C-alpha atoms as a PDB file:
ATOM      1  CA  UNK A   1       0.087  -0.242   0.017  1.00  0.00           C
ATOM      2  CA  UNK A   2       1.904   3.172  -1.456  1.00  0.00           C
ATOM      3  CA  UNK A   3       0.588   6.289   0.282  1.00  0.00           C
ATOM      4  CA  UNK A   4       1.476   9.467  -1.790  1.00  0.00           C
ATOM      5  CA  UNK A   5       2.753  12.666   0.609  1.00  0.00           C
ATOM      6  CA  UNK A   6       1.476  15.759  -1.129  1.00  0.00           C
ATOM      7  CA  UNK A   7       3.576  19.094  -0.566  1.00  0.00           C
ATOM      8  CA  UNK A   8       2.135  20.892   2.184  1.00  0.00           C
ATOM      9  CA  UNK A   9       1.463  24.252   0.845  1.00  0.00           C
ATOM     10  CA  UNK A  10       3.023  27.020   2.479  1.00  0.00           C
ATOM     11  CA  UNK A  11       0.712  29.384   4.955  1.00  0.00           C
ATOM     12  CA  UNK A  12       0.131  32.712   3.846  1.00  0.00           C
ATOM     13  CA  UNK A  13       1.699  35.886   5.636  1.00  0.00           C
ATOM     14  CA  UNK A  14      -0.634  37.671   7.973  1.00  0.00           C
ATOM     15  CA  UNK A  15      -0.547  41.513   7.552  1.00  0.00           C
ATOM     16  CA  UNK A  16       1.742  42.233  10.185  1.00  0.00           C
ATOM     17  CA  UNK A  17       4.259  39.440   9.130  1.00  0.00           C
ATOM     18  CA  UNK A  18       3.884  41.537   5.897  1.00  0.00           C
ATOM     19  CA  UNK A  19       4.317  44.797   7.396  1.00  0.00           C
ATOM     20  CA  UNK A  20       7.228  43.656   9.364  1.00  0.00           C
ATOM     21  CA  UNK A  21       9.024  42.292   6.403  1.00  0.00           C
ATOM     22  CA  UNK A  22       8.685  45.390   4.448  1.00  0.00           C
ATOM     23  CA  UNK A  23       9.728  47.944   7.221  1.00  0.00           C
ATOM     24  CA  UNK A  24      12.869  45.615   8.196  1.00  0.00           C
ATOM     25  CA  UNK A  25      13.750  45.677   4.099  1.00  0.00           C
ATOM     26  CA  UNK A  26      13.311  49.763   4.351  1.00  0.00           C
ATOM     27  CA  UNK A  27      15.866  49.924   6.921  1.00  0.00           C
ATOM     28  CA  UNK A  28      17.982  46.988   5.575  1.00  0.00           C
ATOM     29  CA  UNK A  29      18.040  45.031   8.738  1.00  0.00           C
ATOM     30  CA  UNK A  30      17.063  41.312   7.903  1.00  0.00           C
ATOM     31  CA  UNK A  31      18.020  37.359   9.514  1.00  0.00           C
ATOM     32  CA  UNK A  32      18.476  35.006   6.880  1.00  0.00           C
ATOM     33  CA  UNK A  33      16.412  32.761   8.629  1.00  0.00           C
ATOM     34  CA  UNK A  34      13.470  35.519   8.531  1.00  0.00           C
ATOM     35  CA  UNK A  35      14.464  36.142   4.742  1.00  0.00           C
ATOM     36  CA  UNK A  36      14.401  32.679   3.903  1.00  0.00           C
ATOM     37  CA  UNK A  37      10.992  32.035   5.802  1.00  0.00           C
ATOM     38  CA  UNK A  38       9.304  35.119   4.157  1.00  0.00           C
ATOM     39  CA  UNK A  39      10.118  34.282   0.591  1.00  0.00           C
ATOM     40  CA  UNK A  40       7.946  31.111   1.237  1.00  0.00           C
ATOM     41  CA  UNK A  41       5.081  32.653   3.103  1.00  0.00           C
ATOM     42  CA  UNK A  42       4.798  36.154   1.177  1.00  0.00           C
ATOM     43  CA  UNK A  43       3.317  36.663  -2.097  1.00  0.00           C
ATOM     44  CA  UNK A  44       4.715  39.162  -4.446  1.00  0.00           C
ATOM     45  CA  UNK A  45       1.059  40.937  -4.651  1.00  0.00           C
ATOM     46  CA  UNK A  46       1.206  41.450  -0.804  1.00  0.00           C
ATOM     47  CA  UNK A  47       4.876  42.667  -0.888  1.00  0.00           C
ATOM     48  CA  UNK A  48       4.198  45.070  -3.433  1.00  0.00           C
ATOM     49  CA  UNK A  49       0.853  46.730  -1.718  1.00  0.00           C
ATOM     50  CA  UNK A  50       2.517  46.796   1.489  1.00  0.00           C
ATOM     51  CA  UNK A  51       5.765  48.433  -0.285  1.00  0.00           C
ATOM     52  CA  UNK A  52       3.804  50.983  -1.775  1.00  0.00           C
ATOM     53  CA  UNK A  53       1.628  51.658   1.258  1.00  0.00           C
ATOM     54  CA  UNK A  54       4.534  52.103   3.468  1.00  0.00           C
ATOM     55  CA  UNK A  55       6.575  54.521   0.625  1.00  0.00           C
ATOM     56  CA  UNK A  56       3.473  56.684   0.597  1.00  0.00           C
ATOM     57  CA  UNK A  57       3.394  57.304   4.361  1.00  0.00           C
ATOM     58  CA  UNK A  58       6.985  57.715   4.261  1.00  0.00           C
ATOM     59  CA  UNK A  59       6.431  60.489   1.588  1.00  0.00           C
ATOM     60  CA  UNK A  60       3.629  61.997   3.448  1.00  0.00           C
ATOM     61  CA  UNK A  61       5.224  62.018   6.908  1.00  0.00           C
ATOM     62  CA  UNK A  62       8.147  63.919   5.310  1.00  0.00           C
ATOM     63  CA  UNK A  63       6.100  66.512   3.387  1.00  0.00           C
ATOM     64  CA  UNK A  64       4.338  67.188   6.685  1.00  0.00           C
ATOM     65  CA  UNK A  65       7.519  67.577   8.713  1.00  0.00           C
ATOM     66  CA  UNK A  66       9.277  69.801   6.355  1.00  0.00           C
ATOM     67  CA  UNK A  67       5.760  71.822   6.372  1.00  0.00           C
ATOM     68  CA  UNK A  68       5.865  72.353   9.985  1.00  0.00           C
ATOM     69  CA  UNK A  69       9.565  72.996  10.071  1.00  0.00           C
ATOM     70  CA  UNK A  70       9.207  75.748   7.573  1.00  0.00           C
ATOM     71  CA  UNK A  71       6.092  77.497   8.752  1.00  0.00           C
END
């Protein structure tokens, strides 16, 4: 009796895990084990959306900071 083992599909990352991965990439700090885990659980769409949102928040906060300082 032969049983075939189907590969377990990787779990999807939670929004908090995606945000953590993107923010650590912005800063430039990431452990190899965490990177390898993220490569399996994160989808490219999740990373792109989170990156665009994080970049927009960064730009808007810098614009607000400059306006506050110059006023």
